[in-house]
All heavy atoms as atom14 arrays in JSON, in Angstrom:
{
  "sequence": "TGTLLLTPFVPAFVAGAALAKFSAGLLGMYWRTPGMHKPGSIWPTQEG",
  "atom14_mask": [
    [1, 1, 1, 1, 1, 1, 1, 0, 0, 0, 0, 0, 0, 0],
    [1, 1, 1, 1, 0, 0, 0, 0, 0, 0, 0, 0, 0, 0],
    [1, 1, 1, 1, 1, 1, 1, 0, 0, 0, 0, 0, 0, 0],
    [1, 1, 1, 1, 1, 1, 1, 1, 0, 0, 0, 0, 0, 0],
    [1, 1, 1, 1, 1, 1, 1, 1, 0, 0, 0, 0, 0, 0],
    [1, 1, 1, 1, 1, 1, 1, 1, 0, 0, 0, 0, 0, 0],
    [1, 1, 1, 1, 1, 1, 1, 0, 0, 0, 0, 0, 0, 0],
    [1, 1, 1, 1, 1, 1, 1, 0, 0, 0, 0, 0, 0, 0],
    [1, 1, 1, 1, 1, 1, 1, 1, 1, 1, 1, 0, 0, 0],
    [1, 1, 1, 1, 1, 1, 1, 0, 0, 0, 0, 0, 0, 0],
    [1, 1, 1, 1, 1, 1, 1, 0, 0, 0, 0, 0, 0, 0],
    [1, 1, 1, 1, 1, 0, 0, 0, 0, 0, 0, 0, 0, 0],
    [1, 1, 1, 1, 1, 1, 1, 1, 1, 1, 1, 0, 0, 0],
    [1, 1, 1, 1, 1, 1, 1, 0, 0, 0, 0, 0, 0, 0],
    [1, 1, 1, 1, 1, 0, 0, 0, 0, 0, 0, 0, 0, 0],
    [1, 1, 1, 1, 0, 0, 0, 0, 0, 0, 0, 0, 0, 0],
    [1, 1, 1, 1, 1, 0, 0, 0, 0, 0, 0, 0, 0, 0],
    [1, 1, 1, 1, 1, 0, 0, 0, 0, 0, 0, 0, 0, 0],
    [1, 1, 1, 1, 1, 1, 1, 1, 0, 0, 0, 0, 0, 0],
    [1, 1, 1, 1, 1, 0, 0, 0, 0, 0, 0, 0, 0, 0],
    [1, 1, 1, 1, 1, 1, 1, 1, 1, 0, 0, 0, 0, 0],
    [1, 1, 1, 1, 1, 1, 1, 1, 1, 1, 1, 0, 0, 0],
    [1, 1, 1, 1, 1, 1, 0, 0, 0, 0, 0, 0, 0, 0],
    [1, 1, 1, 1, 1, 0, 0, 0, 0, 0, 0, 0, 0, 0],
    [1, 1, 1, 1, 0, 0, 0, 0, 0, 0, 0, 0, 0, 0],
    [1, 1, 1, 1, 1, 1, 1, 1, 0, 0, 0, 0, 0, 0],
    [1, 1, 1, 1, 1, 1, 1, 1, 0, 0, 0, 0, 0, 0],
    [1, 1, 1, 1, 0, 0, 0, 0, 0, 0, 0, 0, 0, 0],
    [1, 1, 1, 1, 1, 1, 1, 1, 0, 0, 0, 0, 0, 0],
    [1, 1, 1, 1, 1, 1, 1, 1, 1, 1, 1, 1, 0, 0],
    [1, 1, 1, 1, 1, 1, 1, 1, 1, 1, 1, 1, 1, 1],
    [1, 1, 1, 1, 1, 1, 1, 1, 1, 1, 1, 0, 0, 0],
    [1, 1, 1, 1, 1, 1, 1, 0, 0, 0, 0, 0, 0, 0],
    [1, 1, 1, 1, 1, 1, 1, 0, 0, 0, 0, 0, 0, 0],
    [1, 1, 1, 1, 0, 0, 0, 0, 0, 0, 0, 0, 0, 0],
    [1, 1, 1, 1, 1, 1, 1, 1, 0, 0, 0, 0, 0, 0],
    [1, 1, 1, 1, 1, 1, 1, 1, 1, 1, 0, 0, 0, 0],
    [1, 1, 1, 1, 1, 1, 1, 1, 1, 0, 0, 0, 0, 0],
    [1, 1, 1, 1, 1, 1, 1, 0, 0, 0, 0, 0, 0, 0],
    [1, 1, 1, 1, 0, 0, 0, 0, 0, 0, 0, 0, 0, 0],
    [1, 1, 1, 1, 1, 1, 0, 0, 0, 0, 0, 0, 0, 0],
    [1, 1, 1, 1, 1, 1, 1, 1, 0, 0, 0, 0, 0, 0],
    [1, 1, 1, 1, 1, 1, 1, 1, 1, 1, 1, 1, 1, 1],
    [1, 1, 1, 1, 1, 1, 1, 0, 0, 0, 0, 0, 0, 0],
    [1, 1, 1, 1, 1, 1, 1, 0, 0, 0, 0, 0, 0, 0],
    [1, 1, 1, 1, 1, 1, 1, 1, 1, 0, 0, 0, 0, 0],
    [1, 1, 1, 1, 1, 1, 1, 1, 1, 0, 0, 0, 0, 0],
    [1, 1, 1, 1, 0, 0, 0, 0, 0, 0, 0, 0, 0, 0]
  ],
  "atom14_positions": [
    [[5.99, -6.09, -9.35], [4.85, -5.17, -9.42], [5.26, -3.86, -10.27], [4.43, -3.53, -11.09], [4.48, -4.72, -7.88], [4.16, -5.82, -7.22], [3.44, -3.73, -7.89], [0.0, 0.0, 0.0], [0.0, 0.0, 0.0], [0.0, 0.0, 0.0], [0.0, 0.0, 0.0], [0.0, 0.0, 0.0], [0.0, 0.0, 0.0], [0.0, 0.0, 0.0]],
    [[6.47, -3.39, -10.02], [6.94, -2.37, -10.77], [7.01, -2.69, -12.23], [6.58, -1.84, -13.21], [0.0, 0.0, 0.0], [0.0, 0.0, 0.0], [0.0, 0.0, 0.0], [0.0, 0.0, 0.0], [0.0, 0.0, 0.0], [0.0, 0.0, 0.0], [0.0, 0.0, 0.0], [0.0, 0.0, 0.0], [0.0, 0.0, 0.0], [0.0, 0.0, 0.0]],
    [[7.39, -3.88, -12.62], [7.55, -4.21, -14.06], [6.12, -4.42, -14.6], [5.86, -3.91, -15.74], [8.17, -5.67, -14.22], [9.57, -5.39, -13.71], [8.33, -6.13, -15.58], [0.0, 0.0, 0.0], [0.0, 0.0, 0.0], [0.0, 0.0, 0.0], [0.0, 0.0, 0.0], [0.0, 0.0, 0.0], [0.0, 0.0, 0.0], [0.0, 0.0, 0.0]],
    [[5.09, -5.02, -13.83], [3.75, -5.14, -14.42], [3.15, -3.66, -14.8], [2.43, -3.43, -15.76], [2.8, -5.78, -13.32], [2.91, -7.2, -13.32], [2.19, -7.79, -12.1], [2.47, -7.87, -14.5], [0.0, 0.0, 0.0], [0.0, 0.0, 0.0], [0.0, 0.0, 0.0], [0.0, 0.0, 0.0], [0.0, 0.0, 0.0], [0.0, 0.0, 0.0]],
    [[3.39, -2.76, -13.8], [2.93, -1.37, -13.98], [3.46, -0.65, -15.22], [2.86, 0.11, -15.89], [3.12, -0.67, -12.78], [2.19, -0.87, -11.58], [2.81, -0.36, -10.34], [0.82, -0.26, -11.82], [0.0, 0.0, 0.0], [0.0, 0.0, 0.0], [0.0, 0.0, 0.0], [0.0, 0.0, 0.0], [0.0, 0.0, 0.0], [0.0, 0.0, 0.0]],
    [[4.77, -0.93, -15.49], [5.57, -0.29, -16.52], [5.38, -1.02, -17.93], [5.67, -0.41, -18.91], [6.93, -0.16, -16.18], [7.42, 0.7, -14.94], [8.86, 0.59, -14.66], [7.14, 2.16, -15.36], [0.0, 0.0, 0.0], [0.0, 0.0, 0.0], [0.0, 0.0, 0.0], [0.0, 0.0, 0.0], [0.0, 0.0, 0.0], [0.0, 0.0, 0.0]],
    [[4.81, -2.15, -18.0], [4.67, -2.89, -19.2], [3.4, -2.49, -19.88], [2.32, -2.81, -19.32], [4.74, -4.5, -19.04], [6.02, -4.7, -18.25], [4.73, -5.13, -20.25], [0.0, 0.0, 0.0], [0.0, 0.0, 0.0], [0.0, 0.0, 0.0], [0.0, 0.0, 0.0], [0.0, 0.0, 0.0], [0.0, 0.0, 0.0], [0.0, 0.0, 0.0]],
    [[3.45, -1.84, -21.01], [2.15, -1.33, -21.63], [1.22, -2.31, -21.98], [-0.06, -1.98, -21.89], [2.63, -0.64, -22.9], [4.17, -0.48, -22.75], [4.6, -1.55, -21.81], [0.0, 0.0, 0.0], [0.0, 0.0, 0.0], [0.0, 0.0, 0.0], [0.0, 0.0, 0.0], [0.0, 0.0, 0.0], [0.0, 0.0, 0.0], [0.0, 0.0, 0.0]],
    [[1.5, -3.51, -22.42], [0.41, -4.54, -22.73], [-0.21, -5.3, -21.67], [-1.12, -6.05, -21.8], [0.99, -5.5, -23.82], [2.15, -6.31, -23.26], [2.13, -7.45, -22.54], [3.58, -5.87, -23.68], [3.06, -8.11, -22.11], [4.58, -6.59, -23.23], [4.42, -7.79, -22.48], [0.0, 0.0, 0.0], [0.0, 0.0, 0.0], [0.0, 0.0, 0.0]],
    [[0.3, -5.01, -20.33], [-0.36, -5.64, -19.15], [-1.69, -4.74, -18.88], [-1.71, -3.66, -18.77], [0.61, -5.61, -17.94], [-0.12, -6.0, -16.67], [1.78, -6.42, -18.18], [0.0, 0.0, 0.0], [0.0, 0.0, 0.0], [0.0, 0.0, 0.0], [0.0, 0.0, 0.0], [0.0, 0.0, 0.0], [0.0, 0.0, 0.0], [0.0, 0.0, 0.0]],
    [[-2.89, -5.53, -18.86], [-3.99, -4.89, -18.62], [-4.17, -4.12, -17.4], [-3.48, -4.44, -16.35], [-5.06, -5.93, -18.62], [-4.36, -7.21, -19.38], [-2.96, -7.02, -19.0], [0.0, 0.0, 0.0], [0.0, 0.0, 0.0], [0.0, 0.0, 0.0], [0.0, 0.0, 0.0], [0.0, 0.0, 0.0], [0.0, 0.0, 0.0], [0.0, 0.0, 0.0]],
    [[-4.85, -2.95, -17.39], [-4.97, -2.11, -16.21], [-5.46, -2.9, -15.03], [-4.93, -2.66, -13.86], [-5.99, -1.01, -16.51], [0.0, 0.0, 0.0], [0.0, 0.0, 0.0], [0.0, 0.0, 0.0], [0.0, 0.0, 0.0], [0.0, 0.0, 0.0], [0.0, 0.0, 0.0], [0.0, 0.0, 0.0], [0.0, 0.0, 0.0], [0.0, 0.0, 0.0]],
    [[-6.39, -3.83, -15.23], [-6.91, -4.53, -14.13], [-5.7, -5.49, -13.37], [-5.79, -5.43, -12.22], [-8.01, -5.61, -14.66], [-8.49, -6.46, -13.44], [-9.46, -6.07, -12.62], [-8.1, -7.69, -13.32], [-10.01, -6.83, -11.63], [-8.54, -8.58, -12.26], [-9.43, -8.07, -11.48], [0.0, 0.0, 0.0], [0.0, 0.0, 0.0], [0.0, 0.0, 0.0]],
    [[-4.96, -6.06, -14.28], [-3.88, -6.94, -13.69], [-2.88, -6.12, -12.92], [-2.46, -6.31, -11.87], [-3.27, -7.8, -14.83], [-1.97, -8.48, -14.22], [-4.23, -8.7, -15.41], [0.0, 0.0, 0.0], [0.0, 0.0, 0.0], [0.0, 0.0, 0.0], [0.0, 0.0, 0.0], [0.0, 0.0, 0.0], [0.0, 0.0, 0.0], [0.0, 0.0, 0.0]],
    [[-2.43, -4.97, -13.61], [-1.44, -4.09, -13.02], [-2.05, -3.44, -11.78], [-1.33, -3.39, -10.71], [-1.01, -3.05, -14.02], [0.0, 0.0, 0.0], [0.0, 0.0, 0.0], [0.0, 0.0, 0.0], [0.0, 0.0, 0.0], [0.0, 0.0, 0.0], [0.0, 0.0, 0.0], [0.0, 0.0, 0.0], [0.0, 0.0, 0.0], [0.0, 0.0, 0.0]],
    [[-3.19, -2.95, -11.81], [-3.87, -2.36, -10.59], [-4.1, -3.3, -9.53], [-3.86, -2.96, -8.31], [0.0, 0.0, 0.0], [0.0, 0.0, 0.0], [0.0, 0.0, 0.0], [0.0, 0.0, 0.0], [0.0, 0.0, 0.0], [0.0, 0.0, 0.0], [0.0, 0.0, 0.0], [0.0, 0.0, 0.0], [0.0, 0.0, 0.0], [0.0, 0.0, 0.0]],
    [[-4.49, -4.55, -9.85], [-4.64, -5.62, -8.73], [-3.31, -5.83, -8.04], [-3.25, -5.95, -6.81], [-5.23, -6.88, -9.35], [0.0, 0.0, 0.0], [0.0, 0.0, 0.0], [0.0, 0.0, 0.0], [0.0, 0.0, 0.0], [0.0, 0.0, 0.0], [0.0, 0.0, 0.0], [0.0, 0.0, 0.0], [0.0, 0.0, 0.0], [0.0, 0.0, 0.0]],
    [[-2.25, -5.95, -8.79], [-1.0, -6.2, -8.2], [-0.56, -4.96, -7.26], [-0.08, -5.26, -6.19], [0.08, -6.38, -9.33], [0.0, 0.0, 0.0], [0.0, 0.0, 0.0], [0.0, 0.0, 0.0], [0.0, 0.0, 0.0], [0.0, 0.0, 0.0], [0.0, 0.0, 0.0], [0.0, 0.0, 0.0], [0.0, 0.0, 0.0], [0.0, 0.0, 0.0]],
    [[-0.75, -3.8, -7.8], [-0.48, -2.58, -7.01], [-1.22, -2.57, -5.79], [-0.81, -2.14, -4.66], [-0.54, -1.4, -7.93], [-0.15, -0.05, -7.18], [1.24, -0.03, -6.69], [-0.3, 1.23, -8.12], [0.0, 0.0, 0.0], [0.0, 0.0, 0.0], [0.0, 0.0, 0.0], [0.0, 0.0, 0.0], [0.0, 0.0, 0.0], [0.0, 0.0, 0.0]],
    [[-2.54, -2.75, -5.92], [-3.42, -2.58, -4.78], [-3.1, -3.69, -3.74], [-3.05, -3.35, -2.41], [-4.94, -2.8, -5.13], [0.0, 0.0, 0.0], [0.0, 0.0, 0.0], [0.0, 0.0, 0.0], [0.0, 0.0, 0.0], [0.0, 0.0, 0.0], [0.0, 0.0, 0.0], [0.0, 0.0, 0.0], [0.0, 0.0, 0.0], [0.0, 0.0, 0.0]],
    [[-2.78, -4.92, -4.09], [-2.43, -5.89, -3.09], [-1.06, -5.58, -2.42], [-1.04, -5.58, -1.18], [-2.21, -7.27, -3.87], [-1.97, -8.31, -2.93], [-1.88, -9.75, -3.57], [-1.65, -10.82, -2.56], [-1.73, -12.17, -3.05], [0.0, 0.0, 0.0], [0.0, 0.0, 0.0], [0.0, 0.0, 0.0], [0.0, 0.0, 0.0], [0.0, 0.0, 0.0]],
    [[-0.11, -5.13, -3.2], [1.17, -4.79, -2.63], [0.92, -3.6, -1.6], [1.47, -3.68, -0.46], [2.14, -4.31, -3.72], [3.44, -3.91, -3.3], [4.39, -4.94, -2.76], [3.85, -2.72, -3.16], [5.67, -4.61, -2.32], [5.05, -2.27, -2.73], [5.98, -3.21, -2.25], [0.0, 0.0, 0.0], [0.0, 0.0, 0.0], [0.0, 0.0, 0.0]],
    [[0.3, -2.42, -2.0], [0.1, -1.4, -1.13], [-0.76, -1.67, 0.06], [-0.6, -1.08, 1.19], [-0.42, -0.16, -1.92], [-1.62, -0.38, -2.61], [0.0, 0.0, 0.0], [0.0, 0.0, 0.0], [0.0, 0.0, 0.0], [0.0, 0.0, 0.0], [0.0, 0.0, 0.0], [0.0, 0.0, 0.0], [0.0, 0.0, 0.0], [0.0, 0.0, 0.0]],
    [[-1.72, -2.61, -0.12], [-2.6, -3.0, 1.09], [-1.78, -3.69, 2.12], [-1.99, -3.48, 3.34], [-3.74, -3.89, 0.58], [0.0, 0.0, 0.0], [0.0, 0.0, 0.0], [0.0, 0.0, 0.0], [0.0, 0.0, 0.0], [0.0, 0.0, 0.0], [0.0, 0.0, 0.0], [0.0, 0.0, 0.0], [0.0, 0.0, 0.0], [0.0, 0.0, 0.0]],
    [[-0.74, -4.47, 1.73], [0.08, -5.08, 2.66], [0.97, -4.13, 3.5], [1.17, -4.18, 4.65], [0.0, 0.0, 0.0], [0.0, 0.0, 0.0], [0.0, 0.0, 0.0], [0.0, 0.0, 0.0], [0.0, 0.0, 0.0], [0.0, 0.0, 0.0], [0.0, 0.0, 0.0], [0.0, 0.0, 0.0], [0.0, 0.0, 0.0], [0.0, 0.0, 0.0]],
    [[1.45, -3.05, 2.73], [2.15, -1.99, 3.42], [1.32, -1.21, 4.22], [1.75, -0.83, 5.52], [2.76, -1.08, 2.32], [3.86, -1.71, 1.51], [4.17, -0.69, 0.26], [5.08, -2.01, 2.19], [0.0, 0.0, 0.0], [0.0, 0.0, 0.0], [0.0, 0.0, 0.0], [0.0, 0.0, 0.0], [0.0, 0.0, 0.0], [0.0, 0.0, 0.0]],
    [[0.08, -0.9, 3.89], [-0.87, -0.2, 4.66], [-1.26, -1.02, 6.01], [-1.42, -0.4, 7.0], [-2.12, 0.25, 4.03], [-1.68, 1.49, 3.1], [-2.89, 1.69, 2.13], [-1.3, 2.67, 3.74], [0.0, 0.0, 0.0], [0.0, 0.0, 0.0], [0.0, 0.0, 0.0], [0.0, 0.0, 0.0], [0.0, 0.0, 0.0], [0.0, 0.0, 0.0]],
    [[-1.41, -2.29, 5.82], [-1.55, -3.11, 6.94], [-0.49, -3.09, 7.98], [-0.73, -3.09, 9.22], [0.0, 0.0, 0.0], [0.0, 0.0, 0.0], [0.0, 0.0, 0.0], [0.0, 0.0, 0.0], [0.0, 0.0, 0.0], [0.0, 0.0, 0.0], [0.0, 0.0, 0.0], [0.0, 0.0, 0.0], [0.0, 0.0, 0.0], [0.0, 0.0, 0.0]],
    [[0.68, -3.05, 7.43], [1.87, -2.87, 8.3], [1.76, -1.6, 9.03], [2.1, -1.52, 10.3], [3.08, -3.03, 7.59], [4.43, -3.05, 8.46], [5.96, -3.25, 7.49], [5.93, -1.77, 6.51], [0.0, 0.0, 0.0], [0.0, 0.0, 0.0], [0.0, 0.0, 0.0], [0.0, 0.0, 0.0], [0.0, 0.0, 0.0], [0.0, 0.0, 0.0]],
    [[1.54, -0.55, 8.35], [1.28, 0.8, 8.95], [0.2, 0.69, 10.05], [0.48, 1.25, 11.28], [0.82, 1.74, 7.94], [0.24, 2.98, 8.36], [1.02, 4.1, 8.86], [-1.13, 3.22, 8.42], [0.57, 5.26, 9.29], [-1.52, 4.43, 8.79], [-0.82, 5.41, 9.31], [-1.32, 6.64, 9.83], [0.0, 0.0, 0.0], [0.0, 0.0, 0.0]],
    [[-0.96, 0.05, 9.87], [-1.97, 0.07, 10.93], [-1.62, -0.74, 12.03], [-1.96, -0.48, 13.21], [-3.28, -0.56, 10.18], [-4.47, -0.34, 11.12], [-5.06, -1.37, 11.74], [-5.0, 0.82, 11.63], [-6.12, -0.88, 12.61], [-6.0, 0.45, 12.58], [-4.83, 2.18, 11.3], [-6.81, 1.42, 13.18], [-5.62, 3.16, 11.96], [-6.53, 2.73, 12.89]],
    [[-0.81, -1.88, 11.77], [-0.59, -2.92, 12.96], [0.65, -2.49, 13.73], [0.95, -3.12, 14.76], [-0.33, -4.16, 12.44], [-1.53, -4.77, 11.74], [-1.15, -6.09, 10.96], [-2.36, -6.59, 10.39], [-2.7, -7.97, 10.28], [-1.77, -8.72, 10.64], [-3.7, -8.26, 9.62], [0.0, 0.0, 0.0], [0.0, 0.0, 0.0], [0.0, 0.0, 0.0]],
    [[1.49, -1.46, 13.23], [2.7, -1.18, 13.98], [2.38, -0.02, 15.01], [2.03, 1.12, 14.56], [3.82, -0.69, 13.01], [4.1, -1.83, 12.09], [5.08, -0.3, 13.71], [0.0, 0.0, 0.0], [0.0, 0.0, 0.0], [0.0, 0.0, 0.0], [0.0, 0.0, 0.0], [0.0, 0.0, 0.0], [0.0, 0.0, 0.0], [0.0, 0.0, 0.0]],
    [[2.61, -0.21, 16.19], [2.37, 0.82, 17.22], [3.25, 2.01, 17.0], [4.44, 1.87, 16.62], [2.78, 0.21, 18.49], [2.61, -1.34, 18.36], [2.92, -1.49, 16.82], [0.0, 0.0, 0.0], [0.0, 0.0, 0.0], [0.0, 0.0, 0.0], [0.0, 0.0, 0.0], [0.0, 0.0, 0.0], [0.0, 0.0, 0.0], [0.0, 0.0, 0.0]],
    [[2.69, 3.18, 17.05], [3.46, 4.41, 17.03], [3.5, 4.99, 15.61], [3.92, 6.07, 15.39], [0.0, 0.0, 0.0], [0.0, 0.0, 0.0], [0.0, 0.0, 0.0], [0.0, 0.0, 0.0], [0.0, 0.0, 0.0], [0.0, 0.0, 0.0], [0.0, 0.0, 0.0], [0.0, 0.0, 0.0], [0.0, 0.0, 0.0], [0.0, 0.0, 0.0]],
    [[2.9, 4.27, 14.59], [2.84, 4.83, 13.3], [1.63, 5.75, 13.15], [1.72, 6.57, 12.11], [2.93, 3.67, 12.21], [4.25, 3.11, 12.0], [4.42, 2.28, 10.38], [6.16, 1.92, 10.44], [0.0, 0.0, 0.0], [0.0, 0.0, 0.0], [0.0, 0.0, 0.0], [0.0, 0.0, 0.0], [0.0, 0.0, 0.0], [0.0, 0.0, 0.0]],
    [[0.58, 5.57, 13.82], [-0.54, 6.38, 13.69], [-0.95, 6.76, 15.07], [-0.78, 6.16, 16.07], [-1.71, 5.68, 12.89], [-2.07, 4.42, 13.49], [-3.02, 4.23, 14.41], [-1.71, 3.15, 13.18], [-3.31, 2.98, 14.78], [-2.48, 2.25, 14.03], [0.0, 0.0, 0.0], [0.0, 0.0, 0.0], [0.0, 0.0, 0.0], [0.0, 0.0, 0.0]],
    [[-1.71, 7.87, 15.09], [-2.26, 8.43, 16.27], [-3.13, 7.45, 16.98], [-4.0, 6.83, 16.18], [-2.75, 9.86, 16.11], [-1.81, 10.78, 15.67], [-2.4, 12.21, 15.31], [-1.32, 13.04, 14.67], [-1.83, 14.29, 14.17], [0.0, 0.0, 0.0], [0.0, 0.0, 0.0], [0.0, 0.0, 0.0], [0.0, 0.0, 0.0], [0.0, 0.0, 0.0]],
    [[-3.19, 7.26, 18.23], [-4.16, 6.33, 18.9], [-5.67, 6.54, 18.55], [-6.04, 7.7, 18.56], [-3.88, 6.53, 20.37], [-2.47, 7.08, 20.53], [-2.4, 7.88, 19.2], [0.0, 0.0, 0.0], [0.0, 0.0, 0.0], [0.0, 0.0, 0.0], [0.0, 0.0, 0.0], [0.0, 0.0, 0.0], [0.0, 0.0, 0.0], [0.0, 0.0, 0.0]],
    [[-6.38, 5.51, 18.08], [-7.74, 5.74, 17.72], [-7.96, 6.56, 16.43], [-9.09, 6.86, 16.24], [0.0, 0.0, 0.0], [0.0, 0.0, 0.0], [0.0, 0.0, 0.0], [0.0, 0.0, 0.0], [0.0, 0.0, 0.0], [0.0, 0.0, 0.0], [0.0, 0.0, 0.0], [0.0, 0.0, 0.0], [0.0, 0.0, 0.0], [0.0, 0.0, 0.0]],
    [[-6.91, 6.67, 15.64], [-7.01, 7.45, 14.42], [-6.35, 6.86, 13.34], [-5.35, 6.13, 13.49], [-6.4, 8.98, 14.64], [-6.26, 9.61, 13.62], [0.0, 0.0, 0.0], [0.0, 0.0, 0.0], [0.0, 0.0, 0.0], [0.0, 0.0, 0.0], [0.0, 0.0, 0.0], [0.0, 0.0, 0.0], [0.0, 0.0, 0.0], [0.0, 0.0, 0.0]],
    [[-6.73, 7.19, 12.04], [-6.04, 6.62, 10.87], [-4.81, 7.58, 10.51], [-3.93, 7.34, 9.81], [-6.88, 6.55, 9.72], [-7.45, 7.98, 9.24], [-7.93, 5.65, 9.99], [-8.11, 7.96, 7.8], [0.0, 0.0, 0.0], [0.0, 0.0, 0.0], [0.0, 0.0, 0.0], [0.0, 0.0, 0.0], [0.0, 0.0, 0.0], [0.0, 0.0, 0.0]],
    [[-4.75, 8.79, 11.12], [-3.75, 9.75, 10.82], [-2.37, 9.39, 11.29], [-2.29, 8.97, 12.52], [-4.21, 11.14, 11.2], [-5.53, 11.56, 10.57], [-6.72, 11.71, 11.2], [-5.75, 11.68, 9.18], [-7.7, 11.92, 10.25], [-7.08, 11.93, 9.11], [-4.98, 11.67, 7.95], [-7.66, 12.08, 7.84], [-5.55, 11.81, 6.83], [-6.88, 12.1, 6.83]],
    [[-1.27, 9.67, 10.57], [-0.08, 9.22, 10.94], [0.57, 10.05, 12.04], [0.33, 11.35, 12.22], [0.93, 9.35, 9.58], [0.12, 10.34, 8.72], [-1.3, 10.21, 9.2], [0.0, 0.0, 0.0], [0.0, 0.0, 0.0], [0.0, 0.0, 0.0], [0.0, 0.0, 0.0], [0.0, 0.0, 0.0], [0.0, 0.0, 0.0], [0.0, 0.0, 0.0]],
    [[1.52, 9.48, 12.81], [2.46, 10.16, 13.52], [3.75, 10.52, 12.68], [3.72, 10.0, 11.51], [2.99, 9.32, 14.83], [3.71, 8.19, 14.16], [1.84, 8.83, 15.67], [0.0, 0.0, 0.0], [0.0, 0.0, 0.0], [0.0, 0.0, 0.0], [0.0, 0.0, 0.0], [0.0, 0.0, 0.0], [0.0, 0.0, 0.0], [0.0, 0.0, 0.0]],
    [[4.67, 11.33, 13.17], [5.78, 11.59, 12.36], [6.58, 10.21, 12.02], [7.0, 10.16, 10.8], [6.79, 12.38, 13.16], [7.88, 13.18, 12.26], [7.31, 14.03, 11.28], [6.36, 14.75, 11.49], [8.03, 14.05, 10.15], [0.0, 0.0, 0.0], [0.0, 0.0, 0.0], [0.0, 0.0, 0.0], [0.0, 0.0, 0.0], [0.0, 0.0, 0.0]],
    [[6.59, 9.22, 12.83], [7.15, 8.03, 12.57], [6.44, 7.23, 11.39], [6.96, 6.49, 10.62], [7.35, 7.03, 13.8], [8.25, 7.66, 14.81], [7.61, 8.64, 15.71], [6.41, 8.77, 15.81], [8.31, 9.53, 16.19], [0.0, 0.0, 0.0], [0.0, 0.0, 0.0], [0.0, 0.0, 0.0], [0.0, 0.0, 0.0], [0.0, 0.0, 0.0]],
    [[5.2, 7.33, 11.22], [4.35, 6.63, 10.21], [4.12, 7.5, 8.95], [3.69, 6.79, 8.05], [0.0, 0.0, 0.0], [0.0, 0.0, 0.0], [0.0, 0.0, 0.0], [0.0, 0.0, 0.0], [0.0, 0.0, 0.0], [0.0, 0.0, 0.0], [0.0, 0.0, 0.0], [0.0, 0.0, 0.0], [0.0, 0.0, 0.0], [0.0, 0.0, 0.0]]
  ]
}
């Protein structure tokens, strides 16, 4: 993912799709892990 973003000839769509997919997985982990966000809220706790 980092290499795609740093390579100038990789189209924006391709680099962006890779970054969006990677970060969506991380945010899914954030949302599914108890204690990372305040109950009933998207806002993080200190741990999140």
